[in-house]
Amino acid sequence: MQHRAAPAFPPPPATGGQPRGFLVSPRCGHSSQTTGGRERFSGGFPPARAARKHLEHAGNRRPSHDGVNQPIPRPDVRIPDERVRMTSTTRTREEAAAIARRGWAVTLQRRDEERQMTKQYAAADIGTLTDRELFLFGVGLYWAEGTKDKPHARRERVTFVNSEPDVITVFLSWLHLVGVEPRHLKFRLMIHESADVRGAEEYWADLVGTHRTLFGKTTLKRHNPKTVRKNVGEAYRGCLVVDVAQSADLYRRIEGWWCGIVGAASAPDR
């Protein structure tokens, strides 16, 4: 591609100075005409643009032995490691996947450490649990997970069902706090028939401090092959049912306690 040379301008007259109304740019040799104190260039590019075009033209090409300007090659500014990667063989899909898995494993480990640290800090915020705090928490826990009396089905009996061992432990501590004697407690298991029933019974019996032979009859849920269940494996132990005998009066008090909590929480002066 040929570059257009800037047009040549005649030099100013030897005698009489420059024509009135015309100026000659001392840097680029362009003439301009003044109109009302402003300059107007009469030909070619303005001085700044012409200088820029000249530098671009001169900086990107160099003269050769035959007088023809040749492009100047750009320097290789890549870092050494990048040049080595460009010249080495391309990674296979398996190698790239292995590198990605290693990087993802580091990210997962960092996230798990952050997750555990957050849980530890939150657990430390609780500190010592007072009897009143346990009492209020137990009332809310039962109202969320326990059986409740309905107008169409009278069930004034304390029955609590849950699959979390820690929840069962807290609920038993609450029953002890409100004066329920161990002899009034009865346990039974609800579990899928495809699970390890005997192992689950032994696990829950050890948790509540009794023998599995003292459990009530286990309720087995039939296995449905069409259902894709997630609660499978060794960690699945079904749900433990905690029944409190002669607990109609306790149930009525639980319902009253819950109403008191709701009323206090929704008071206008809170």
C-alpha atoms as a PDB file:
ATOM      1  CA  MET A   1       0.000   0.000   0.000  1.00  0.00           C
ATOM      2  CA  GLN A   2       1.505   3.345  -1.084  1.00  0.00           C
ATOM      3  CA  HIS A   3       1.322   6.296   1.232  1.00  0.00           C
ATOM      4  CA  ARG A   4       0.281   9.627  -0.178  1.00  0.00           C
ATOM      5  CA  ALA A   5       2.931  12.249   0.274  1.00  0.00           C
ATOM      6  CA  ALA A   6       1.921  15.528   1.817  1.00  0.00           C
ATOM      7  CA  PRO A   7       1.394  18.219  -0.874  1.00  0.00           C
ATOM      8  CA  ALA A   8       4.194  20.707  -1.294  1.00  0.00           C
ATOM      9  CA  PHE A   9       3.490  24.355  -0.782  1.00  0.00           C
ATOM     10  CA  PRO A  10       5.322  27.176  -2.525  1.00  0.00           C
ATOM     11  CA  PRO A  11       7.704  29.171  -0.358  1.00  0.00           C
ATOM     12  CA  PRO A  12       6.681  32.675   0.624  1.00  0.00           C
ATOM     13  CA  PRO A  13       7.616  35.513  -1.778  1.00  0.00           C
ATOM     14  CA  ALA A  14      11.180  36.737  -1.493  1.00  0.00           C
ATOM     15  CA  THR A  15      10.149  40.358  -1.409  1.00  0.00           C
ATOM     16  CA  GLY A  16       7.280  41.947   0.331  1.00  0.00           C
ATOM     17  CA  GLY A  17       6.994  39.157   2.994  1.00  0.00           C
ATOM     18  CA  GLN A  18       4.002  36.833   3.187  1.00  0.00           C
ATOM     19  CA  PRO A  19       0.700  37.717   1.524  1.00  0.00           C
ATOM     20  CA  ARG A  20      -1.682  39.435   3.857  1.00  0.00           C
ATOM     21  CA  GLY A  21      -3.970  37.064   5.635  1.00  0.00           C
ATOM     22  CA  PHE A  22      -1.699  33.986   5.203  1.00  0.00           C
ATOM     23  CA  LEU A  23       0.595  32.315   7.744  1.00  0.00           C
ATOM     24  CA  VAL A  24       3.249  29.651   7.214  1.00  0.00           C
ATOM     25  CA  SER A  25       3.533  26.944   9.835  1.00  0.00           C
ATOM     26  CA  PRO A  26       7.182  26.856  10.865  1.00  0.00           C
ATOM     27  CA  ARG A  27       6.951  23.127  11.795  1.00  0.00           C
ATOM     28  CA  CYS A  28       5.218  21.476   8.815  1.00  0.00           C
ATOM     29  CA  GLY A  29       5.428  24.115   6.071  1.00  0.00           C
ATOM     30  CA  HIS A  30       1.627  24.378   5.691  1.00  0.00           C
ATOM     31  CA  SER A  31       0.031  27.692   4.931  1.00  0.00           C
ATOM     32  CA  SER A  32      -3.114  28.892   6.635  1.00  0.00           C
ATOM     33  CA  GLN A  33      -5.387  31.802   6.100  1.00  0.00           C
ATOM     34  CA  THR A  34      -6.573  33.978   8.939  1.00  0.00           C
ATOM     35  CA  THR A  35     -10.247  34.794   9.129  1.00  0.00           C
ATOM     36  CA  GLY A  36     -11.426  36.861  12.012  1.00  0.00           C
ATOM     37  CA  GLY A  37      -8.409  35.921  14.155  1.00  0.00           C
ATOM     38  CA  ARG A  38      -8.768  32.155  13.429  1.00  0.00           C
ATOM     39  CA  GLU A  39      -6.493  30.114  11.194  1.00  0.00           C
ATOM     40  CA  ARG A  40      -7.784  27.982   8.304  1.00  0.00           C
ATOM     41  CA  PHE A  41      -5.387  25.532   6.619  1.00  0.00           C
ATOM     42  CA  SER A  42      -5.362  25.830   2.839  1.00  0.00           C
ATOM     43  CA  GLY A  43      -4.150  22.351   1.864  1.00  0.00           C
ATOM     44  CA  GLY A  44      -3.118  18.875   3.043  1.00  0.00           C
ATOM     45  CA  PHE A  45      -3.435  17.693   6.620  1.00  0.00           C
ATOM     46  CA  PRO A  46      -3.315  20.043   9.616  1.00  0.00           C
ATOM     47  CA  PRO A  47       0.163  20.283  11.129  1.00  0.00           C
ATOM     48  CA  ALA A  48      -0.464  17.908  14.055  1.00  0.00           C
ATOM     49  CA  ARG A  49      -2.182  15.290  11.902  1.00  0.00           C
ATOM     50  CA  ALA A  50       0.485  15.521   9.194  1.00  0.00           C
ATOM     51  CA  ALA A  51       3.203  15.024  11.773  1.00  0.00           C
ATOM     52  CA  ARG A  52       1.400  11.989  13.192  1.00  0.00           C
ATOM     53  CA  LYS A  53       0.982  10.478   9.711  1.00  0.00           C
ATOM     54  CA  HIS A  54       4.645  11.055   9.004  1.00  0.00           C
ATOM     55  CA  LEU A  55       5.737   9.356  12.218  1.00  0.00           C
ATOM     56  CA  GLU A  56       3.454   6.384  11.635  1.00  0.00           C
ATOM     57  CA  HIS A  57       4.749   5.998   8.108  1.00  0.00           C
ATOM     58  CA  ALA A  58       8.380   6.311   9.115  1.00  0.00           C
ATOM     59  CA  GLY A  59       8.165   4.250  12.259  1.00  0.00           C
ATOM     60  CA  ASN A  60       6.546   1.156  10.729  1.00  0.00           C
ATOM     61  CA  ARG A  61       8.788   0.809   7.695  1.00  0.00           C
ATOM     62  CA  ARG A  62      12.520   0.780   7.053  1.00  0.00           C
ATOM     63  CA  PRO A  63      14.512   1.226   3.812  1.00  0.00           C
ATOM     64  CA  SER A  64      16.054  -1.860   2.218  1.00  0.00           C
ATOM     65  CA  HIS A  65      19.095  -2.203  -0.073  1.00  0.00           C
ATOM     66  CA  ASP A  66      16.954  -1.553  -3.138  1.00  0.00           C
ATOM     67  CA  GLY A  67      15.406   1.572  -1.641  1.00  0.00           C
ATOM     68  CA  VAL A  68      11.977   0.035  -1.031  1.00  0.00           C
ATOM     69  CA  ASN A  69      10.559   0.509   2.435  1.00  0.00           C
ATOM     70  CA  GLN A  70      10.029  -2.806   4.268  1.00  0.00           C
ATOM     71  CA  PRO A  71       7.801  -3.396   7.350  1.00  0.00           C
ATOM     72  CA  ILE A  72       9.649  -3.513  10.660  1.00  0.00           C
ATOM     73  CA  PRO A  73       8.899  -6.823  12.452  1.00  0.00           C
ATOM     74  CA  ARG A  74       7.272  -6.536  15.868  1.00  0.00           C
ATOM     75  CA  PRO A  75       9.393  -7.759  18.806  1.00  0.00           C
ATOM     76  CA  ASP A  76       8.356 -10.948  20.638  1.00  0.00           C
ATOM     77  CA  VAL A  77       7.129  -9.624  23.991  1.00  0.00           C
ATOM     78  CA  ARG A  78       5.803 -12.937  25.323  1.00  0.00           C
ATOM     79  CA  ILE A  79       7.217 -14.161  28.605  1.00  0.00           C
ATOM     80  CA  PRO A  80       9.584 -17.200  28.442  1.00  0.00           C
ATOM     81  CA  ASP A  81       7.038 -19.619  29.937  1.00  0.00           C
ATOM     82  CA  GLU A  82       4.468 -18.610  27.334  1.00  0.00           C
ATOM     83  CA  ARG A  83       6.988 -19.155  24.508  1.00  0.00           C
ATOM     84  CA  VAL A  84       7.709 -22.607  25.894  1.00  0.00           C
ATOM     85  CA  ARG A  85       3.989 -23.417  26.044  1.00  0.00           C
ATOM     86  CA  MET A  86       3.495 -22.230  22.475  1.00  0.00           C
ATOM     87  CA  THR A  87       6.282 -24.458  21.192  1.00  0.00           C
ATOM     88  CA  SER A  88       5.374 -27.522  23.280  1.00  0.00           C
ATOM     89  CA  THR A  89       2.821 -30.122  22.279  1.00  0.00           C
ATOM     90  CA  THR A  90      -0.883 -29.460  22.975  1.00  0.00           C
ATOM     91  CA  ARG A  91      -2.356 -31.029  26.130  1.00  0.00           C
ATOM     92  CA  THR A  92      -4.711 -33.914  25.739  1.00  0.00           C
ATOM     93  CA  ARG A  93      -8.274 -33.672  26.983  1.00  0.00           C
ATOM     94  CA  GLU A  94      -7.450 -35.990  29.897  1.00  0.00           C
ATOM     95  CA  GLU A  95      -4.472 -33.849  30.959  1.00  0.00           C
ATOM     96  CA  ALA A  96      -6.544 -30.671  30.826  1.00  0.00           C
ATOM     97  CA  ALA A  97      -9.320 -32.318  32.835  1.00  0.00           C
ATOM     98  CA  ALA A  98      -6.814 -33.493  35.467  1.00  0.00           C
ATOM     99  CA  ILE A  99      -5.427 -29.964  35.836  1.00  0.00           C
ATOM    100  CA  ALA A 100      -8.951 -28.571  36.191  1.00  0.00           C
ATOM    101  CA  ARG A 101      -9.829 -31.174  38.831  1.00  0.00           C
ATOM    102  CA  ARG A 102      -6.746 -30.323  40.879  1.00  0.00           C
ATOM    103  CA  GLY A 103      -7.617 -26.633  40.787  1.00  0.00           C
ATOM    104  CA  TRP A 104     -11.240 -27.329  41.712  1.00  0.00           C
ATOM    105  CA  ALA A 105     -10.147 -29.584  44.586  1.00  0.00           C
ATOM    106  CA  VAL A 106      -8.146 -26.704  46.082  1.00  0.00           C
ATOM    107  CA  THR A 107     -11.171 -24.418  45.780  1.00  0.00           C
ATOM    108  CA  LEU A 108     -13.463 -26.971  47.445  1.00  0.00           C
ATOM    109  CA  GLN A 109     -11.006 -27.477  50.299  1.00  0.00           C
ATOM    110  CA  ARG A 110     -10.806 -23.713  50.893  1.00  0.00           C
ATOM    111  CA  ARG A 111     -14.598 -23.415  50.903  1.00  0.00           C
ATOM    112  CA  ASP A 112     -14.949 -26.304  53.317  1.00  0.00           C
ATOM    113  CA  GLU A 113     -12.447 -24.712  55.700  1.00  0.00           C
ATOM    114  CA  GLU A 114     -14.372 -21.435  55.574  1.00  0.00           C
ATOM    115  CA  ARG A 115     -17.645 -23.306  56.162  1.00  0.00           C
ATOM    116  CA  GLN A 116     -16.296 -25.144  59.213  1.00  0.00           C
ATOM    117  CA  MET A 117     -14.804 -21.966  60.642  1.00  0.00           C
ATOM    118  CA  THR A 118     -18.135 -20.153  60.335  1.00  0.00           C
ATOM    119  CA  LYS A 119     -19.906 -22.991  62.142  1.00  0.00           C
ATOM    120  CA  GLN A 120     -17.326 -22.987  64.943  1.00  0.00           C
ATOM    121  CA  TYR A 121     -17.713 -19.255  65.493  1.00  0.00           C
ATOM    122  CA  ALA A 122     -21.505 -19.593  65.501  1.00  0.00           C
ATOM    123  CA  ALA A 123     -21.375 -22.446  68.025  1.00  0.00           C
ATOM    124  CA  ALA A 124     -19.174 -20.339  70.302  1.00  0.00           C
ATOM    125  CA  ASP A 125     -21.783 -17.558  70.214  1.00  0.00           C
ATOM    126  CA  ILE A 126     -24.291 -19.771  72.105  1.00  0.00           C
ATOM    127  CA  GLY A 127     -22.185 -20.349  75.186  1.00  0.00           C
ATOM    128  CA  THR A 128     -23.996 -21.739  78.238  1.00  0.00           C
ATOM    129  CA  LEU A 129     -27.677 -22.597  77.769  1.00  0.00           C
ATOM    130  CA  THR A 130     -29.933 -21.613  80.655  1.00  0.00           C
ATOM    131  CA  ASP A 131     -32.990 -23.644  81.704  1.00  0.00           C
ATOM    132  CA  ARG A 132     -35.323 -20.934  80.462  1.00  0.00           C
ATOM    133  CA  GLU A 133     -33.633 -20.856  77.073  1.00  0.00           C
ATOM    134  CA  LEU A 134     -33.858 -24.641  76.783  1.00  0.00           C
ATOM    135  CA  PHE A 135     -37.485 -24.501  77.888  1.00  0.00           C
ATOM    136  CA  LEU A 136     -38.477 -21.953  75.245  1.00  0.00           C
ATOM    137  CA  PHE A 137     -36.507 -23.747  72.557  1.00  0.00           C
ATOM    138  CA  GLY A 138     -38.083 -27.087  73.415  1.00  0.00           C
ATOM    139  CA  VAL A 139     -41.593 -25.673  73.146  1.00  0.00           C
ATOM    140  CA  GLY A 140     -40.858 -24.314  69.680  1.00  0.00           C
ATOM    141  CA  LEU A 141     -39.132 -27.542  68.655  1.00  0.00           C
ATOM    142  CA  TYR A 142     -42.115 -29.659  69.632  1.00  0.00           C
ATOM    143  CA  TRP A 143     -44.593 -27.346  67.913  1.00  0.00           C
ATOM    144  CA  ALA A 144     -42.542 -27.643  64.717  1.00  0.00           C
ATOM    145  CA  GLU A 145     -41.885 -31.399  64.750  1.00  0.00           C
ATOM    146  CA  GLY A 146     -44.357 -32.980  67.188  1.00  0.00           C
ATOM    147  CA  THR A 147     -47.894 -34.180  66.609  1.00  0.00           C
ATOM    148  CA  LYS A 148     -50.665 -31.646  67.265  1.00  0.00           C
ATOM    149  CA  ASP A 149     -54.301 -31.848  68.191  1.00  0.00           C
ATOM    150  CA  LYS A 150     -56.783 -31.058  65.405  1.00  0.00           C
ATOM    151  CA  PRO A 151     -60.522 -30.340  65.639  1.00  0.00           C
ATOM    152  CA  HIS A 152     -61.195 -33.262  63.311  1.00  0.00           C
ATOM    153  CA  ALA A 153     -58.714 -35.597  65.059  1.00  0.00           C
ATOM    154  CA  ARG A 154     -58.178 -35.346  68.805  1.00  0.00           C
ATOM    155  CA  ARG A 155     -54.558 -36.176  69.603  1.00  0.00           C
ATOM    156  CA  GLU A 156     -53.815 -34.760  73.032  1.00  0.00           C
ATOM    157  CA  ARG A 157     -50.697 -36.862  73.357  1.00  0.00           C
ATOM    158  CA  VAL A 158     -47.026 -35.905  73.173  1.00  0.00           C
ATOM    159  CA  THR A 159     -45.455 -37.709  70.208  1.00  0.00           C
ATOM    160  CA  PHE A 160     -42.237 -36.515  68.594  1.00  0.00           C
ATOM    161  CA  VAL A 161     -40.743 -37.879  65.342  1.00  0.00           C
ATOM    162  CA  ASN A 162     -37.368 -36.967  63.875  1.00  0.00           C
ATOM    163  CA  SER A 163     -34.438 -38.460  61.986  1.00  0.00           C
ATOM    164  CA  GLU A 164     -31.724 -36.191  63.420  1.00  0.00           C
ATOM    165  CA  PRO A 165     -29.887 -37.662  66.438  1.00  0.00           C
ATOM    166  CA  ASP A 166     -28.994 -34.209  67.800  1.00  0.00           C
ATOM    167  CA  VAL A 167     -32.630 -33.107  67.657  1.00  0.00           C
ATOM    168  CA  ILE A 168     -33.676 -36.226  69.581  1.00  0.00           C
ATOM    169  CA  THR A 169     -31.011 -35.514  72.199  1.00  0.00           C
ATOM    170  CA  VAL A 170     -32.193 -31.936  72.712  1.00  0.00           C
ATOM    171  CA  PHE A 171     -35.829 -33.026  72.926  1.00  0.00           C
ATOM    172  CA  LEU A 172     -35.050 -35.655  75.574  1.00  0.00           C
ATOM    173  CA  SER A 173     -33.200 -33.005  77.592  1.00  0.00           C
ATOM    174  CA  TRP A 174     -36.266 -30.785  77.350  1.00  0.00           C
ATOM    175  CA  LEU A 175     -38.575 -33.597  78.523  1.00  0.00           C
ATOM    176  CA  HIS A 176     -36.340 -34.090  81.538  1.00  0.00           C
ATOM    177  CA  LEU A 177     -36.477 -30.334  82.213  1.00  0.00           C
ATOM    178  CA  VAL A 178     -40.298 -30.257  82.240  1.00  0.00           C
ATOM    179  CA  GLY A 179     -40.452 -33.225  84.633  1.00  0.00           C
ATOM    180  CA  VAL A 180     -41.141 -36.247  82.388  1.00  0.00           C
ATOM    181  CA  GLU A 181     -39.872 -39.435  84.024  1.00  0.00           C
ATOM    182  CA  PRO A 182     -37.904 -41.951  81.903  1.00  0.00           C
ATOM    183  CA  ARG A 183     -40.429 -44.704  82.636  1.00  0.00           C
ATOM    184  CA  HIS A 184     -43.070 -42.752  80.708  1.00  0.00           C
ATOM    185  CA  LEU A 185     -40.959 -42.719  77.543  1.00  0.00           C
ATOM    186  CA  LYS A 186     -41.571 -45.227  74.767  1.00  0.00           C
ATOM    187  CA  PHE A 187     -39.591 -45.554  71.558  1.00  0.00           C
ATOM    188  CA  ARG A 188     -40.162 -47.127  68.189  1.00  0.00           C
ATOM    189  CA  LEU A 189     -38.652 -46.919  64.741  1.00  0.00           C
ATOM    190  CA  MET A 190     -40.006 -45.935  61.328  1.00  0.00           C
ATOM    191  CA  ILE A 191     -37.759 -47.052  58.453  1.00  0.00           C
ATOM    192  CA  HIS A 192     -37.758 -48.338  54.887  1.00  0.00           C
ATOM    193  CA  GLU A 193     -37.818 -52.123  54.619  1.00  0.00           C
ATOM    194  CA  SER A 194     -34.773 -52.107  52.315  1.00  0.00           C
ATOM    195  CA  ALA A 195     -32.548 -50.558  55.019  1.00  0.00           C
ATOM    196  CA  ASP A 196     -30.576 -52.203  57.819  1.00  0.00           C
ATOM    197  CA  VAL A 197     -33.404 -52.376  60.333  1.00  0.00           C
ATOM    198  CA  ARG A 198     -31.527 -54.181  63.103  1.00  0.00           C
ATOM    199  CA  GLY A 199     -28.534 -51.849  62.828  1.00  0.00           C
ATOM    200  CA  ALA A 200     -30.814 -48.804  62.993  1.00  0.00           C
ATOM    201  CA  GLU A 201     -32.601 -50.145  66.083  1.00  0.00           C
ATOM    202  CA  GLU A 202     -29.292 -50.706  67.845  1.00  0.00           C
ATOM    203  CA  TYR A 203     -28.086 -47.216  66.910  1.00  0.00           C
ATOM    204  CA  TRP A 204     -31.151 -45.441  68.310  1.00  0.00           C
ATOM    205  CA  ALA A 205     -31.220 -47.647  71.401  1.00  0.00           C
ATOM    206  CA  ASP A 206     -27.635 -46.646  72.213  1.00  0.00           C
ATOM    207  CA  LEU A 207     -28.502 -42.989  71.667  1.00  0.00           C
ATOM    208  CA  VAL A 208     -31.456 -42.933  74.098  1.00  0.00           C
ATOM    209  CA  GLY A 209     -29.801 -45.233  76.616  1.00  0.00           C
ATOM    210  CA  THR A 210     -31.969 -48.332  76.401  1.00  0.00           C
ATOM    211  CA  HIS A 211     -32.016 -51.768  74.744  1.00  0.00           C
ATOM    212  CA  ARG A 212     -33.537 -52.323  71.347  1.00  0.00           C
ATOM    213  CA  THR A 213     -35.720 -55.123  72.686  1.00  0.00           C
ATOM    214  CA  LEU A 214     -37.587 -52.495  74.705  1.00  0.00           C
ATOM    215  CA  PHE A 215     -38.546 -50.674  71.517  1.00  0.00           C
ATOM    216  CA  GLY A 216     -42.084 -50.860  70.214  1.00  0.00           C
ATOM    217  CA  LYS A 217     -42.916 -52.557  66.957  1.00  0.00           C
ATOM    218  CA  THR A 218     -40.948 -51.077  64.063  1.00  0.00           C
ATOM    219  CA  THR A 219     -42.980 -49.541  61.251  1.00  0.00           C
ATOM    220  CA  LEU A 220     -41.610 -50.630  57.857  1.00  0.00           C
ATOM    221  CA  LYS A 221     -42.230 -48.525  54.796  1.00  0.00           C
ATOM    222  CA  ARG A 222     -42.576 -50.527  51.611  1.00  0.00           C
ATOM    223  CA  HIS A 223     -39.888 -50.041  49.015  1.00  0.00           C
ATOM    224  CA  ASN A 224     -41.021 -48.483  45.720  1.00  0.00           C
ATOM    225  CA  PRO A 225     -38.544 -49.210  42.882  1.00  0.00           C
ATOM    226  CA  LYS A 226     -39.926 -46.304  40.852  1.00  0.00           C
ATOM    227  CA  THR A 227     -39.000 -43.786  43.538  1.00  0.00           C
ATOM    228  CA  VAL A 228     -35.471 -42.366  43.471  1.00  0.00           C
ATOM    229  CA  ARG A 229     -34.563 -42.040  47.150  1.00  0.00           C
ATOM    230  CA  LYS A 230     -31.657 -39.970  48.440  1.00  0.00           C
ATOM    231  CA  ASN A 231     -31.764 -41.221  52.059  1.00  0.00           C
ATOM    232  CA  VAL A 232     -29.887 -44.460  51.428  1.00  0.00           C
ATOM    233  CA  GLY A 233     -26.609 -45.958  52.599  1.00  0.00           C
ATOM    234  CA  GLU A 234     -25.111 -46.546  56.027  1.00  0.00           C
ATOM    235  CA  ALA A 235     -26.050 -43.055  57.250  1.00  0.00           C
ATOM    236  CA  TYR A 236     -29.762 -43.765  56.814  1.00  0.00           C
ATOM    237  CA  ARG A 237     -31.305 -44.977  60.084  1.00  0.00           C
ATOM    238  CA  GLY A 238     -34.941 -44.030  59.654  1.00  0.00           C
ATOM    239  CA  CYS A 239     -36.924 -41.883  62.099  1.00  0.00           C
ATOM    240  CA  LEU A 240     -37.215 -42.363  65.840  1.00  0.00           C
ATOM    241  CA  VAL A 241     -40.664 -41.948  67.388  1.00  0.00           C
ATOM    242  CA  VAL A 242     -40.719 -40.725  71.001  1.00  0.00           C
ATOM    243  CA  ASP A 243     -44.061 -41.284  72.761  1.00  0.00           C
ATOM    244  CA  VAL A 244     -44.814 -39.894  76.237  1.00  0.00           C
ATOM    245  CA  ALA A 245     -47.358 -41.969  78.137  1.00  0.00           C
ATOM    246  CA  GLN A 246     -50.144 -40.208  80.043  1.00  0.00           C
ATOM    247  CA  SER A 247     -49.201 -36.909  78.415  1.00  0.00           C
ATOM    248  CA  ALA A 248     -52.555 -35.221  77.718  1.00  0.00           C
ATOM    249  CA  ASP A 249     -51.948 -32.607  80.398  1.00  0.00           C
ATOM    250  CA  LEU A 250     -48.403 -32.001  79.133  1.00  0.00           C
ATOM    251  CA  TYR A 251     -49.684 -31.530  75.602  1.00  0.00           C
ATOM    252  CA  ARG A 252     -52.211 -28.914  76.730  1.00  0.00           C
ATOM    253  CA  ARG A 253     -49.487 -27.037  78.549  1.00  0.00           C
ATOM    254  CA  ILE A 254     -47.248 -27.179  75.466  1.00  0.00           C
ATOM    255  CA  GLU A 255     -49.990 -25.632  73.375  1.00  0.00           C
ATOM    256  CA  GLY A 256     -50.513 -22.917  75.993  1.00  0.00           C
ATOM    257  CA  TRP A 257     -46.785 -22.234  76.214  1.00  0.00           C
ATOM    258  CA  TRP A 258     -46.629 -21.865  72.451  1.00  0.00           C
ATOM    259  CA  CYS A 259     -49.509 -19.402  72.443  1.00  0.00           C
ATOM    260  CA  GLY A 260     -47.701 -17.404  75.122  1.00  0.00           C
ATOM    261  CA  ILE A 261     -44.530 -17.276  73.005  1.00  0.00           C
ATOM    262  CA  VAL A 262     -46.466 -16.095  69.972  1.00  0.00           C
ATOM    263  CA  GLY A 263     -48.261 -13.420  71.973  1.00  0.00           C
ATOM    264  CA  ALA A 264     -45.058 -12.125  73.538  1.00  0.00           C
ATOM    265  CA  ALA A 265     -43.209 -12.084  70.230  1.00  0.00           C
ATOM    266  CA  SER A 266     -45.993 -10.137  68.500  1.00  0.00           C
ATOM    267  CA  ALA A 267     -46.537  -7.599  71.303  1.00  0.00           C
ATOM    268  CA  PRO A 268     -46.587  -3.970  70.053  1.00  0.00           C
ATOM    269  CA  ASP A 269     -43.977  -2.843  72.599  1.00  0.00           C
ATOM    270  CA  ARG A 270     -41.275  -5.154  71.267  1.00  0.00           C
END
